[in-house]
C-alpha cells in the first residue's frame, strides 16, 4: 500500500494522462482482438485474412500511439524544453571552461615566470 502511495506522490497532476494511456492501450488490445475474431469467421482465404489482420493491427496501434502522444504532448514538450535548457547551459559552461583553459596555457607559454 505504501508503494502505491509513493507512486501517487511521484506523478502529481498526471493521473488523468496515466489512466487515459492505460485505457487507450486496453482499447487497442480489445479492438485488435475483436477484429481478429471478426476476420476468423469470415469466408476469405488464409492469406487475405492475414493481410487484413496485419493491416488492421498496424492501423489500430498507429492510431493508439498517435492519441497517446497527443495526450502526453504538453509533458513531452516540457521535457524537451528542459533538456534544451540543460544542453544550452552545458554548452555555455564548456565554452567558458575552454576559454579559461586556453588563456591559462597561453599565459604559461608566453610568460613562463609569471
PDB file of N, CA and C in Angstrom:
ATOM      1  N   UNK A   1       0.819  -1.190   0.000  1.00  0.00           N
ATOM      2  CA  UNK A   1       0.000   0.000   0.000  1.00  0.00           C
ATOM      3  C   UNK A   1       0.860   1.249   0.000  1.00  0.00           C
ATOM      4  N   UNK A   2       1.991   1.231   0.698  1.00  0.00           N
ATOM      5  CA  UNK A   2       2.863   2.406   0.716  1.00  0.00           C
ATOM      6  C   UNK A   2       3.499   2.624  -0.653  1.00  0.00           C
ATOM      7  N   UNK A   3       3.731   1.553  -1.407  1.00  0.00           N
ATOM      8  CA  UNK A   3       4.282   1.695  -2.752  1.00  0.00           C
ATOM      9  C   UNK A   3       3.299   2.430  -3.646  1.00  0.00           C
ATOM     10  N   UNK A   4       2.024   2.128  -3.501  1.00  0.00           N
ATOM     11  CA  UNK A   4       1.001   2.819  -4.277  1.00  0.00           C
ATOM     12  C   UNK A   4       0.939   4.296  -3.907  1.00  0.00           C
ATOM     13  N   UNK A   5       1.053   4.591  -2.618  1.00  0.00           N
ATOM     14  CA  UNK A   5       1.083   5.997  -2.180  1.00  0.00           C
ATOM     15  C   UNK A   5       2.317   6.715  -2.719  1.00  0.00           C
ATOM     16  N   UNK A   6       3.466   6.026  -2.724  1.00  0.00           N
ATOM     17  CA  UNK A   6       4.679   6.609  -3.296  1.00  0.00           C
ATOM     18  C   UNK A   6       4.500   6.895  -4.778  1.00  0.00           C
ATOM     19  N   UNK A   7       3.815   5.991  -5.460  1.00  0.00           N
ATOM     20  CA  UNK A   7       3.548   6.185  -6.880  1.00  0.00           C
ATOM     21  C   UNK A   7       2.623   7.366  -7.109  1.00  0.00           C
ATOM     22  N   UNK A   8       1.616   7.538  -6.263  1.00  0.00           N
ATOM     23  CA  UNK A   8       0.712   8.681  -6.382  1.00  0.00           C
ATOM     24  C   UNK A   8       1.450   9.997  -6.177  1.00  0.00           C
ATOM     25  N   UNK A   9       2.414  10.008  -5.269  1.00  0.00           N
ATOM     26  CA  UNK A   9       3.175  11.221  -4.989  1.00  0.00           C
ATOM     27  C   UNK A   9       4.163  11.507  -6.119  1.00  0.00           C
ATOM     28  N   UNK A  10       4.654  10.450  -6.776  1.00  0.00           N
ATOM     29  CA  UNK A  10       5.684  10.616  -7.800  1.00  0.00           C
ATOM     30  C   UNK A  10       5.168  11.311  -9.053  1.00  0.00           C
ATOM     31  N   UNK A  11       3.886  11.168  -9.357  1.00  0.00           N
ATOM     32  CA  UNK A  11       3.334  11.760 -10.577  1.00  0.00           C
ATOM     33  C   UNK A  11       2.182  12.689 -10.208  1.00  0.00           C
ATOM     34  N   UNK A  12       2.467  13.847  -9.660  1.00  0.00           N
ATOM     35  CA  UNK A  12       1.367  14.743  -9.274  1.00  0.00           C
ATOM     36  C   UNK A  12       0.730  15.398 -10.490  1.00  0.00           C
ATOM     37  N   UNK A  13      -0.581  15.403 -10.527  1.00  0.00           N
ATOM     38  CA  UNK A  13      -1.310  16.088 -11.580  1.00  0.00           C
ATOM     39  C   UNK A  13      -1.303  15.404 -12.927  1.00  0.00           C
ATOM     40  N   UNK A  14      -0.772  14.206 -13.017  1.00  0.00           N
ATOM     41  CA  UNK A  14      -0.687  13.500 -14.305  1.00  0.00           C
ATOM     42  C   UNK A  14      -1.565  12.248 -14.343  1.00  0.00           C
ATOM     43  N   UNK A  15      -2.377  12.043 -13.333  1.00  0.00           N
ATOM     44  CA  UNK A  15      -3.119  10.787 -13.245  1.00  0.00           C
ATOM     45  C   UNK A  15      -4.150  10.633 -14.341  1.00  0.00           C
ATOM     46  N   UNK A  16      -4.711  11.747 -14.821  1.00  0.00           N
ATOM     47  CA  UNK A  16      -5.664  11.645 -15.924  1.00  0.00           C
ATOM     48  C   UNK A  16      -4.978  11.098 -17.165  1.00  0.00           C
ATOM     49  N   UNK A  17      -3.753  11.550 -17.395  1.00  0.00           N
ATOM     50  CA  UNK A  17      -2.994  11.091 -18.556  1.00  0.00           C
ATOM     51  C   UNK A  17      -2.598   9.624 -18.419  1.00  0.00           C
ATOM     52  N   UNK A  18      -2.203   9.227 -17.213  1.00  0.00           N
ATOM     53  CA  UNK A  18      -1.818   7.834 -16.984  1.00  0.00           C
ATOM     54  C   UNK A  18      -3.028   6.920 -17.186  1.00  0.00           C
ATOM     55  N   UNK A  19      -4.155   7.301 -16.630  1.00  0.00           N
ATOM     56  CA  UNK A  19      -5.370   6.495 -16.780  1.00  0.00           C
ATOM     57  C   UNK A  19      -5.800   6.453 -18.240  1.00  0.00           C
ATOM     58  N   UNK A  20      -5.738   7.597 -18.934  1.00  0.00           N
ATOM     59  CA  UNK A  20      -6.096   7.636 -20.357  1.00  0.00           C
ATOM     60  C   UNK A  20      -5.172   6.747 -21.173  1.00  0.00           C
ATOM     61  N   UNK A  21      -3.892   6.725 -20.816  1.00  0.00           N
ATOM     62  CA  UNK A  21      -2.936   5.876 -21.527  1.00  0.00           C
ATOM     63  C   UNK A  21      -3.281   4.404 -21.351  1.00  0.00           C
ATOM     64  N   UNK A  22      -3.553   3.995 -20.111  1.00  0.00           N
ATOM     65  CA  UNK A  22      -3.919   2.595 -19.872  1.00  0.00           C
ATOM     66  C   UNK A  22      -5.227   2.233 -20.568  1.00  0.00           C
ATOM     67  N   UNK A  23      -6.187   3.144 -20.557  1.00  0.00           N
ATOM     68  CA  UNK A  23      -7.457   2.880 -21.236  1.00  0.00           C
ATOM     69  C   UNK A  23      -7.269   2.776 -22.746  1.00  0.00           C
ATOM     70  N   UNK A  24      -6.426   3.623 -23.309  1.00  0.00           N
ATOM     71  CA  UNK A  24      -6.170   3.548 -24.747  1.00  0.00           C
ATOM     72  C   UNK A  24      -5.474   2.249 -25.127  1.00  0.00           C
ATOM     73  N   UNK A  25      -4.533   1.805 -24.308  1.00  0.00           N
ATOM     74  CA  UNK A  25      -3.853   0.537 -24.583  1.00  0.00           C
ATOM     75  C   UNK A  25      -4.841  -0.622 -24.478  1.00  0.00           C
ATOM     76  N   UNK A  26      -5.690  -0.609 -23.465  1.00  0.00           N
ATOM     77  CA  UNK A  26      -6.702  -1.656 -23.322  1.00  0.00           C
ATOM     78  C   UNK A  26      -7.681  -1.628 -24.496  1.00  0.00           C
ATOM     79  N   UNK A  27      -8.076  -0.425 -24.916  1.00  0.00           N
ATOM     80  CA  UNK A  27      -8.976  -0.297 -26.056  1.00  0.00           C
ATOM     81  C   UNK A  27      -8.331  -0.838 -27.331  1.00  0.00           C
ATOM     82  N   UNK A  28      -7.067  -0.532 -27.537  1.00  0.00           N
ATOM     83  CA  UNK A  28      -6.345  -1.038 -28.704  1.00  0.00           C
ATOM     84  C   UNK A  28      -6.245  -2.555 -28.700  1.00  0.00           C
ATOM     85  N   UNK A  29      -5.962  -3.120 -27.536  1.00  0.00           N
ATOM     86  CA  UNK A  29      -5.884  -4.577 -27.428  1.00  0.00           C
ATOM     87  C   UNK A  29      -7.236  -5.219 -27.701  1.00  0.00           C
ATOM     88  N   UNK A  30      -8.297  -4.651 -27.127  1.00  0.00           N
ATOM     89  CA  UNK A  30      -9.633  -5.203 -27.327  1.00  0.00           C
ATOM     90  C   UNK A  30     -10.059  -5.087 -28.785  1.00  0.00           C
ATOM     91  N   UNK A  31      -9.819  -3.947 -29.393  1.00  0.00           N
ATOM     92  CA  UNK A  31     -10.206  -3.748 -30.780  1.00  0.00           C
ATOM     93  C   UNK A  31      -9.423  -4.671 -31.711  1.00  0.00           C
ATOM     94  N   UNK A  32      -8.159  -4.848 -31.447  1.00  0.00           N
ATOM     95  CA  UNK A  32      -7.336  -5.751 -32.240  1.00  0.00           C
ATOM     96  C   UNK A  32      -7.832  -7.192 -32.110  1.00  0.00           C
ATOM     97  N   UNK A  33      -8.168  -7.579 -30.903  1.00  0.00           N
ATOM     98  CA  UNK A  33      -8.680  -8.936 -30.668  1.00  0.00           C
ATOM     99  C   UNK A  33     -10.041  -9.131 -31.349  1.00  0.00           C
ATOM    100  N   UNK A  34     -10.914  -8.145 -31.219  1.00  0.00           N
ATOM    101  CA  UNK A  34     -12.232  -8.251 -31.862  1.00  0.00           C
ATOM    102  C   UNK A  34     -12.109  -8.293 -33.380  1.00  0.00           C
ATOM    103  N   UNK A  35     -11.193  -7.539 -33.941  1.00  0.00           N
ATOM    104  CA  UNK A  35     -11.003  -7.561 -35.383  1.00  0.00           C
ATOM    105  C   UNK A  35     -10.479  -8.923 -35.835  1.00  0.00           C
ATOM    106  N   UNK A  36      -9.580  -9.517 -35.053  1.00  0.00           N
ATOM    107  CA  UNK A  36      -9.074 -10.852 -35.387  1.00  0.00           C
ATOM    108  C   UNK A  36     -10.196 -11.877 -35.334  1.00  0.00           C
ATOM    109  N   UNK A  37     -11.076 -11.780 -34.358  1.00  0.00           N
ATOM    110  CA  UNK A  37     -12.219 -12.709 -34.273  1.00  0.00           C
ATOM    111  C   UNK A  37     -13.178 -12.503 -35.432  1.00  0.00           C
ATOM    112  N   UNK A  38     -13.385 -11.247 -35.812  1.00  0.00           N
ATOM    113  CA  UNK A  38     -14.267 -10.949 -36.929  1.00  0.00           C
ATOM    114  C   UNK A  38     -13.721 -11.559 -38.217  1.00  0.00           C
ATOM    115  N   UNK A  39     -12.415 -11.433 -38.428  1.00  0.00           N
ATOM    116  CA  UNK A  39     -11.818 -11.988 -39.637  1.00  0.00           C
ATOM    117  C   UNK A  39     -11.774 -13.509 -39.610  1.00  0.00           C
ATOM    118  N   UNK A  40     -11.695 -14.093 -38.419  1.00  0.00           N
ATOM    119  CA  UNK A  40     -11.600 -15.550 -38.308  1.00  0.00           C
ATOM    120  C   UNK A  40     -12.876 -16.242 -38.767  1.00  0.00           C
ATOM    121  N   UNK A  41     -14.013 -15.604 -38.616  1.00  0.00           N
ATOM    122  CA  UNK A  41     -15.246 -16.267 -39.023  1.00  0.00           C
ATOM    123  C   UNK A  41     -15.684 -15.904 -40.433  1.00  0.00           C
ATOM    124  N   UNK A  42     -14.898 -15.119 -41.121  1.00  0.00           N
ATOM    125  CA  UNK A  42     -15.213 -14.766 -42.499  1.00  0.00           C
ATOM    126  C   UNK A  42     -14.837 -15.890 -43.450  1.00  0.00           C
ATOM    127  N   UNK A  43     -15.360 -15.814 -44.643  1.00  0.00           N
ATOM    128  CA  UNK A  43     -15.104 -16.847 -45.653  1.00  0.00           C
ATOM    129  C   UNK A  43     -14.054 -16.352 -46.652  1.00  0.00           C
ATOM    130  N   UNK A  44     -12.916 -15.920 -46.159  1.00  0.00           N
ATOM    131  CA  UNK A  44     -11.846 -15.488 -47.045  1.00  0.00           C
ATOM    132  C   UNK A  44     -10.645 -16.395 -46.848  1.00  0.00           C
ATOM    133  N   UNK A  45      -9.750 -16.359 -47.795  1.00  0.00           N
ATOM    134  CA  UNK A  45      -8.581 -17.230 -47.717  1.00  0.00           C
ATOM    135  C   UNK A  45      -7.680 -16.823 -46.548  1.00  0.00           C
ATOM    136  N   UNK A  46      -6.845 -17.762 -46.153  1.00  0.00           N
ATOM    137  CA  UNK A  46      -5.957 -17.515 -45.015  1.00  0.00           C
ATOM    138  C   UNK A  46      -4.968 -16.392 -45.318  1.00  0.00           C
ATOM    139  N   UNK A  47      -4.495 -16.334 -46.547  1.00  0.00           N
ATOM    140  CA  UNK A  47      -3.542 -15.291 -46.917  1.00  0.00           C
ATOM    141  C   UNK A  47      -4.184 -13.903 -46.868  1.00  0.00           C
ATOM    142  N   UNK A  48      -5.395 -13.779 -47.406  1.00  0.00           N
ATOM    143  CA  UNK A  48      -6.096 -12.491 -47.348  1.00  0.00           C
ATOM    144  C   UNK A  48      -6.445 -12.124 -45.912  1.00  0.00           C
ATOM    145  N   UNK A  49      -6.825 -13.105 -45.115  1.00  0.00           N
ATOM    146  CA  UNK A  49      -7.148 -12.861 -43.707  1.00  0.00           C
ATOM    147  C   UNK A  49      -5.925 -12.334 -42.975  1.00  0.00           C
ATOM    148  N   UNK A  50      -4.765 -12.930 -43.244  1.00  0.00           N
ATOM    149  CA  UNK A  50      -3.530 -12.483 -42.607  1.00  0.00           C
ATOM    150  C   UNK A  50      -3.184 -11.063 -43.036  1.00  0.00           C
ATOM    151  N   UNK A  51      -3.331 -10.755 -44.304  1.00  0.00           N
ATOM    152  CA  UNK A  51      -3.034  -9.408 -44.809  1.00  0.00           C
ATOM    153  C   UNK A  51      -3.959  -8.389 -44.154  1.00  0.00           C
ATOM    154  N   UNK A  52      -5.257  -8.713 -44.091  1.00  0.00           N
ATOM    155  CA  UNK A  52      -6.211  -7.793 -43.463  1.00  0.00           C
ATOM    156  C   UNK A  52      -5.930  -7.623 -41.976  1.00  0.00           C
ATOM    157  N   UNK A  53      -5.575  -8.715 -41.314  1.00  0.00           N
ATOM    158  CA  UNK A  53      -5.302  -8.650 -39.881  1.00  0.00           C
ATOM    159  C   UNK A  53      -4.063  -7.801 -39.599  1.00  0.00           C
ATOM    160  N   UNK A  54      -3.007  -8.008 -40.357  1.00  0.00           N
ATOM    161  CA  UNK A  54      -1.783  -7.228 -40.157  1.00  0.00           C
ATOM    162  C   UNK A  54      -2.053  -5.756 -40.444  1.00  0.00           C
ATOM    163  N   UNK A  55      -2.764  -5.468 -41.520  1.00  0.00           N
ATOM    164  CA  UNK A  55      -3.091  -4.082 -41.859  1.00  0.00           C
ATOM    165  C   UNK A  55      -3.928  -3.439 -40.759  1.00  0.00           C
ATOM    166  N   UNK A  56      -4.953  -4.137 -40.286  1.00  0.00           N
ATOM    167  CA  UNK A  56      -5.831  -3.587 -39.251  1.00  0.00           C
ATOM    168  C   UNK A  56      -5.070  -3.362 -37.947  1.00  0.00           C
ATOM    169  N   UNK A  57      -4.241  -4.310 -37.558  1.00  0.00           N
ATOM    170  CA  UNK A  57      -3.468  -4.132 -36.322  1.00  0.00           C
ATOM    171  C   UNK A  57      -2.502  -2.965 -36.435  1.00  0.00           C
ATOM    172  N   UNK A  58      -1.870  -2.808 -37.583  1.00  0.00           N
ATOM    173  CA  UNK A  58      -0.960  -1.679 -37.766  1.00  0.00           C
ATOM    174  C   UNK A  58      -1.709  -0.351 -37.659  1.00  0.00           C
ATOM    175  N   UNK A  59      -2.877  -0.265 -38.275  1.00  0.00           N
ATOM    176  CA  UNK A  59      -3.661   0.967 -38.227  1.00  0.00           C
ATOM    177  C   UNK A  59      -4.139   1.236 -36.802  1.00  0.00           C
ATOM    178  N   UNK A  60      -4.633   0.195 -36.132  1.00  0.00           N
ATOM    179  CA  UNK A  60      -5.129   0.360 -34.758  1.00  0.00           C
ATOM    180  C   UNK A  60      -4.015   0.853 -33.846  1.00  0.00           C
ATOM    181  N   UNK A  61      -2.851   0.221 -33.891  1.00  0.00           N
ATOM    182  CA  UNK A  61      -1.772   0.604 -32.978  1.00  0.00           C
ATOM    183  C   UNK A  61      -1.135   1.925 -33.365  1.00  0.00           C
ATOM    184  N   UNK A  62      -1.155   2.281 -34.662  1.00  0.00           N
ATOM    185  CA  UNK A  62      -0.689   3.606 -35.045  1.00  0.00           C
ATOM    186  C   UNK A  62      -1.603   4.676 -34.459  1.00  0.00           C
ATOM    187  N   UNK A  63      -2.906   4.470 -34.562  1.00  0.00           N
ATOM    188  CA  UNK A  63      -3.846   5.439 -34.007  1.00  0.00           C
ATOM    189  C   UNK A  63      -3.742   5.528 -32.490  1.00  0.00           C
ATOM    190  N   UNK A  64      -3.605   4.384 -31.827  1.00  0.00           N
ATOM    191  CA  UNK A  64      -3.453   4.389 -30.365  1.00  0.00           C
ATOM    192  C   UNK A  64      -2.187   5.142 -29.975  1.00  0.00           C
ATOM    193  N   UNK A  65      -1.089   4.871 -30.662  1.00  0.00           N
ATOM    194  CA  UNK A  65       0.163   5.557 -30.353  1.00  0.00           C
ATOM    195  C   UNK A  65       0.051   7.058 -30.622  1.00  0.00           C
ATOM    196  N   UNK A  66      -0.589   7.438 -31.719  1.00  0.00           N
ATOM    197  CA  UNK A  66      -0.770   8.845 -32.046  1.00  0.00           C
ATOM    198  C   UNK A  66      -1.604   9.552 -30.977  1.00  0.00           C
ATOM    199  N   UNK A  67      -2.657   8.920 -30.508  1.00  0.00           N
ATOM    200  CA  UNK A  67      -3.507   9.526 -29.476  1.00  0.00           C
ATOM    201  C   UNK A  67      -2.754   9.621 -28.149  1.00  0.00           C
ATOM    202  N   UNK A  68      -1.979   8.599 -27.812  1.00  0.00           N
ATOM    203  CA  UNK A  68      -1.192   8.643 -26.575  1.00  0.00           C
ATOM    204  C   UNK A  68      -0.170   9.777 -26.644  1.00  0.00           C
ATOM    205  N   UNK A  69       0.486   9.932 -27.781  1.00  0.00           N
ATOM    206  CA  UNK A  69       1.450  11.034 -27.930  1.00  0.00           C
ATOM    207  C   UNK A  69       0.725  12.369 -27.831  1.00  0.00           C
ATOM    208  N   UNK A  70      -0.486  12.447 -28.383  1.00  0.00           N
ATOM    209  CA  UNK A  70      -1.270  13.690 -28.281  1.00  0.00           C
ATOM    210  C   UNK A  70      -1.650  13.988 -26.835  1.00  0.00           C
ATOM    211  N   UNK A  71      -1.974  12.944 -26.077  1.00  0.00           N
ATOM    212  CA  UNK A  71      -2.337  13.138 -24.673  1.00  0.00           C
ATOM    213  C   UNK A  71      -1.135  13.650 -23.881  1.00  0.00           C
ATOM    214  N   UNK A  72       0.030  13.122 -24.153  1.00  0.00           N
ATOM    215  CA  UNK A  72       1.236  13.481 -23.410  1.00  0.00           C
ATOM    216  C   UNK A  72       2.035  14.605 -24.064  1.00  0.00           C
ATOM    217  N   UNK A  73       1.494  15.283 -25.075  1.00  0.00           N
ATOM    218  CA  UNK A  73       2.257  16.278 -25.845  1.00  0.00           C
ATOM    219  C   UNK A  73       2.801  17.406 -24.975  1.00  0.00           C
ATOM    220  N   UNK A  74       1.998  17.930 -24.063  1.00  0.00           N
ATOM    221  CA  UNK A  74       2.481  19.047 -23.239  1.00  0.00           C
ATOM    222  C   UNK A  74       3.615  18.608 -22.315  1.00  0.00           C
ATOM    223  N   UNK A  75       3.522  17.409 -21.789  1.00  0.00           N
ATOM    224  CA  UNK A  75       4.584  16.888 -20.920  1.00  0.00           C
ATOM    225  C   UNK A  75       5.853  16.633 -21.725  1.00  0.00           C
ATOM    226  N   UNK A  76       5.694  16.082 -22.931  1.00  0.00           N
ATOM    227  CA  UNK A  76       6.850  15.833 -23.790  1.00  0.00           C
ATOM    228  C   UNK A  76       7.507  17.150 -24.178  1.00  0.00           C
ATOM    229  N   UNK A  77       6.696  18.168 -24.479  1.00  0.00           N
ATOM    230  CA  UNK A  77       7.244  19.474 -24.842  1.00  0.00           C
ATOM    231  C   UNK A  77       7.993  20.101 -23.661  1.00  0.00           C
ATOM    232  N   UNK A  78       7.445  19.974 -22.463  1.00  0.00           N
ATOM    233  CA  UNK A  78       8.132  20.483 -21.277  1.00  0.00           C
ATOM    234  C   UNK A  78       9.455  19.790 -21.043  1.00  0.00           C
ATOM    235  N   UNK A  79       9.475  18.472 -21.235  1.00  0.00           N
ATOM    236  CA  UNK A  79      10.709  17.715 -21.080  1.00  0.00           C
ATOM    237  C   UNK A  79      11.739  18.138 -22.127  1.00  0.00           C
ATOM    238  N   UNK A  80      11.299  18.316 -23.371  1.00  0.00           N
ATOM    239  CA  UNK A  80      12.217  18.731 -24.431  1.00  0.00           C
ATOM    240  C   UNK A  80      12.780  20.125 -24.153  1.00  0.00           C
ATOM    241  N   UNK A  81      11.934  21.016 -23.636  1.00  0.00           N
ATOM    242  CA  UNK A  81      12.401  22.358 -23.297  1.00  0.00           C
ATOM    243  C   UNK A  81      13.424  22.312 -22.167  1.00  0.00           C
ATOM    244  N   UNK A  82      13.185  21.492 -21.169  1.00  0.00           N
ATOM    245  CA  UNK A  82      14.137  21.346 -20.070  1.00  0.00           C
ATOM    246  C   UNK A  82      15.456  20.760 -20.562  1.00  0.00           C
ATOM    247  N   UNK A  83      15.367  19.791 -21.431  1.00  0.00           N
ATOM    248  CA  UNK A  83      16.563  19.174 -21.990  1.00  0.00           C
ATOM    249  C   UNK A  83      17.362  20.184 -22.808  1.00  0.00           C
ATOM    250  N   UNK A  84      16.671  21.023 -23.570  1.00  0.00           N
ATOM    251  CA  UNK A  84      17.358  22.056 -24.348  1.00  0.00           C
ATOM    252  C   UNK A  84      18.016  23.087 -23.434  1.00  0.00           C
ATOM    253  N   UNK A  85      17.361  23.427 -22.339  1.00  0.00           N
ATOM    254  CA  UNK A  85      17.949  24.377 -21.395  1.00  0.00           C
ATOM    255  C   UNK A  85      19.215  23.808 -20.763  1.00  0.00           C
ATOM    256  N   UNK A  86      19.181  22.547 -20.390  1.00  0.00           N
ATOM    257  CA  UNK A  86      20.366  21.910 -19.803  1.00  0.00           C
ATOM    258  C   UNK A  86      21.483  21.835 -20.834  1.00  0.00           C
ATOM    259  N   UNK A  87      21.149  21.501 -22.070  1.00  0.00           N
ATOM    260  CA  UNK A  87      22.164  21.435 -23.122  1.00  0.00           C
ATOM    261  C   UNK A  87      22.780  22.810 -23.370  1.00  0.00           C
ATOM    262  N   UNK A  88      21.954  23.856 -23.353  1.00  0.00           N
ATOM    263  CA  UNK A  88      22.474  25.209 -23.513  1.00  0.00           C
ATOM    264  C   UNK A  88      23.396  25.598 -22.375  1.00  0.00           C
ATOM    265  N   UNK A  89      23.022  25.243 -21.162  1.00  0.00           N
ATOM    266  CA  UNK A  89      23.870  25.558 -20.005  1.00  0.00           C
ATOM    267  C   UNK A  89      25.204  24.820 -20.090  1.00  0.00           C
ATOM    268  N   UNK A  90      25.163  23.556 -20.489  1.00  0.00           N
ATOM    269  CA  UNK A  90      26.402  22.786 -20.633  1.00  0.00           C
ATOM    270  C   UNK A  90      27.284  23.402 -21.714  1.00  0.00           C
ATOM    271  N   UNK A  91      26.672  23.857 -22.801  1.00  0.00           N
ATOM    272  CA  UNK A  91      27.439  24.491 -23.870  1.00  0.00           C
ATOM    273  C   UNK A  91      28.109  25.768 -23.387  1.00  0.00           C
ATOM    274  N   UNK A  92      27.389  26.604 -22.670  1.00  0.00           N
ATOM    275  CA  UNK A  92      27.953  27.855 -22.157  1.00  0.00           C
ATOM    276  C   UNK A  92      29.099  27.571 -21.188  1.00  0.00           C
ATOM    277  N   UNK A  93      28.901  26.607 -20.315  1.00  0.00           N
ATOM    278  CA  UNK A  93      29.950  26.274 -19.341  1.00  0.00           C
ATOM    279  C   UNK A  93      31.178  25.705 -20.037  1.00  0.00           C
ATOM    280  N   UNK A  94      30.968  24.851 -21.027  1.00  0.00           N
ATOM    281  CA  UNK A  94      32.122  24.254 -21.703  1.00  0.00           C
ATOM    282  C   UNK A  94      32.891  25.288 -22.521  1.00  0.00           C
ATOM    283  N   UNK A  95      32.184  26.231 -23.159  1.00  0.00           N
ATOM    284  CA  UNK A  95      32.875  27.298 -23.893  1.00  0.00           C
ATOM    285  C   UNK A  95      33.669  28.168 -22.921  1.00  0.00           C
ATOM    286  N   UNK A  96      33.088  28.506 -21.794  1.00  0.00           N
ATOM    287  CA  UNK A  96      33.776  29.310 -20.789  1.00  0.00           C
ATOM    288  C   UNK A  96      34.999  28.568 -20.251  1.00  0.00           C
ATOM    289  N   UNK A  97      34.851  27.276 -19.973  1.00  0.00           N
ATOM    290  CA  UNK A  97      35.972  26.476 -19.478  1.00  0.00           C
ATOM    291  C   UNK A  97      37.087  26.415 -20.514  1.00  0.00           C
ATOM    292  N   UNK A  98      36.716  26.208 -21.764  1.00  0.00           N
ATOM    293  CA  UNK A  98      37.714  26.138 -22.830  1.00  0.00           C
ATOM    294  C   UNK A  98      38.449  27.468 -22.977  1.00  0.00           C
ATOM    295  N   UNK A  99      37.725  28.574 -22.884  1.00  0.00           N
ATOM    296  CA  UNK A  99      38.367  29.887 -22.989  1.00  0.00           C
ATOM    297  C   UNK A  99      39.346  30.119 -21.835  1.00  0.00           C
ATOM    298  N   UNK A 100      38.943  29.769 -20.631  1.00  0.00           N
ATOM    299  CA  UNK A 100      39.831  29.958 -19.474  1.00  0.00           C
ATOM    300  C   UNK A 100      41.044  29.041 -19.563  1.00  0.00           C
ATOM    301  N   UNK A 101      40.829  27.797 -20.003  1.00  0.00           N
ATOM    302  CA  UNK A 101      41.942  26.859 -20.131  1.00  0.00           C
ATOM    303  C   UNK A 101      42.918  27.317 -21.210  1.00  0.00           C
ATOM    304  N   UNK A 102      42.406  27.799 -22.333  1.00  0.00           N
ATOM    305  CA  UNK A 102      43.255  28.301 -23.408  1.00  0.00           C
ATOM    306  C   UNK A 102      44.033  29.525 -22.941  1.00  0.00           C
ATOM    307  N   UNK A 103      43.382  30.424 -22.223  1.00  0.00           N
ATOM    308  CA  UNK A 103      44.051  31.625 -21.702  1.00  0.00           C
ATOM    309  C   UNK A 103      45.147  31.232 -20.720  1.00  0.00           C
ATOM    310  N   UNK A 104      44.885  30.250 -19.874  1.00  0.00           N
ATOM    311  CA  UNK A 104      45.877  29.804 -18.900  1.00  0.00           C
ATOM    312  C   UNK A 104      47.116  29.262 -19.610  1.00  0.00           C
ATOM    313  N   UNK A 105      46.917  28.389 -20.592  1.00  0.00           N
ATOM    314  CA  UNK A 105      48.065  27.825 -21.302  1.00  0.00           C
ATOM    315  C   UNK A 105      48.794  28.893 -22.119  1.00  0.00           C
ATOM    316  N   UNK A 106      48.064  29.820 -22.660  1.00  0.00           N
ATOM    317  CA  UNK A 106      48.686  30.914 -23.415  1.00  0.00           C
ATOM    318  C   UNK A 106      49.573  31.747 -22.491  1.00  0.00           C
ATOM    319  N   UNK A 107      49.065  32.083 -21.323  1.00  0.00           N
ATOM    320  CA  UNK A 107      49.862  32.860 -20.373  1.00  0.00           C
ATOM    321  C   UNK A 107      51.073  32.080 -19.898  1.00  0.00           C
ATOM    322  N   UNK A 108      50.917  30.793 -19.663  1.00  0.00           N
ATOM    323  CA  UNK A 108      52.050  29.980 -19.176  1.00  0.00           C
ATOM    324  C   UNK A 108      53.113  29.829 -20.263  1.00  0.00           C
ATOM    325  N   UNK A 109      52.699  29.786 -21.523  1.00  0.00           N
ATOM    326  CA  UNK A 109      53.693  29.636 -22.590  1.00  0.00           C
ATOM    327  C   UNK A 109      54.375  30.955 -22.927  1.00  0.00           C
ATOM    328  N   UNK A 110      53.642  32.059 -22.874  1.00  0.00           N
ATOM    329  CA  UNK A 110      54.244  33.349 -23.245  1.00  0.00           C
ATOM    330  C   UNK A 110      54.943  34.037 -22.080  1.00  0.00           C
ATOM    331  N   UNK A 111      54.492  33.810 -20.874  1.00  0.00           N
ATOM    332  CA  UNK A 111      55.123  34.391 -19.677  1.00  0.00           C
ATOM    333  C   UNK A 111      55.419  33.258 -18.690  1.00  0.00           C
ATOM    334  N   UNK A 112      56.473  32.517 -18.925  1.00  0.00           N
ATOM    335  CA  UNK A 112      56.732  31.339 -18.086  1.00  0.00           C
ATOM    336  C   UNK A 112      57.018  31.635 -16.618  1.00  0.00           C
ATOM    337  N   UNK A 113      57.500  32.835 -16.304  1.00  0.00           N
ATOM    338  CA  UNK A 113      57.828  33.146 -14.928  1.00  0.00           C
ATOM    339  C   UNK A 113      56.692  33.876 -14.209  1.00  0.00           C
ATOM    340  N   UNK A 114      55.643  34.189 -14.878  1.00  0.00           N
ATOM    341  CA  UNK A 114      54.565  34.951 -14.267  1.00  0.00           C
ATOM    342  C   UNK A 114      53.599  34.066 -13.527  1.00  0.00           C
TER     343      UNK A 114
END
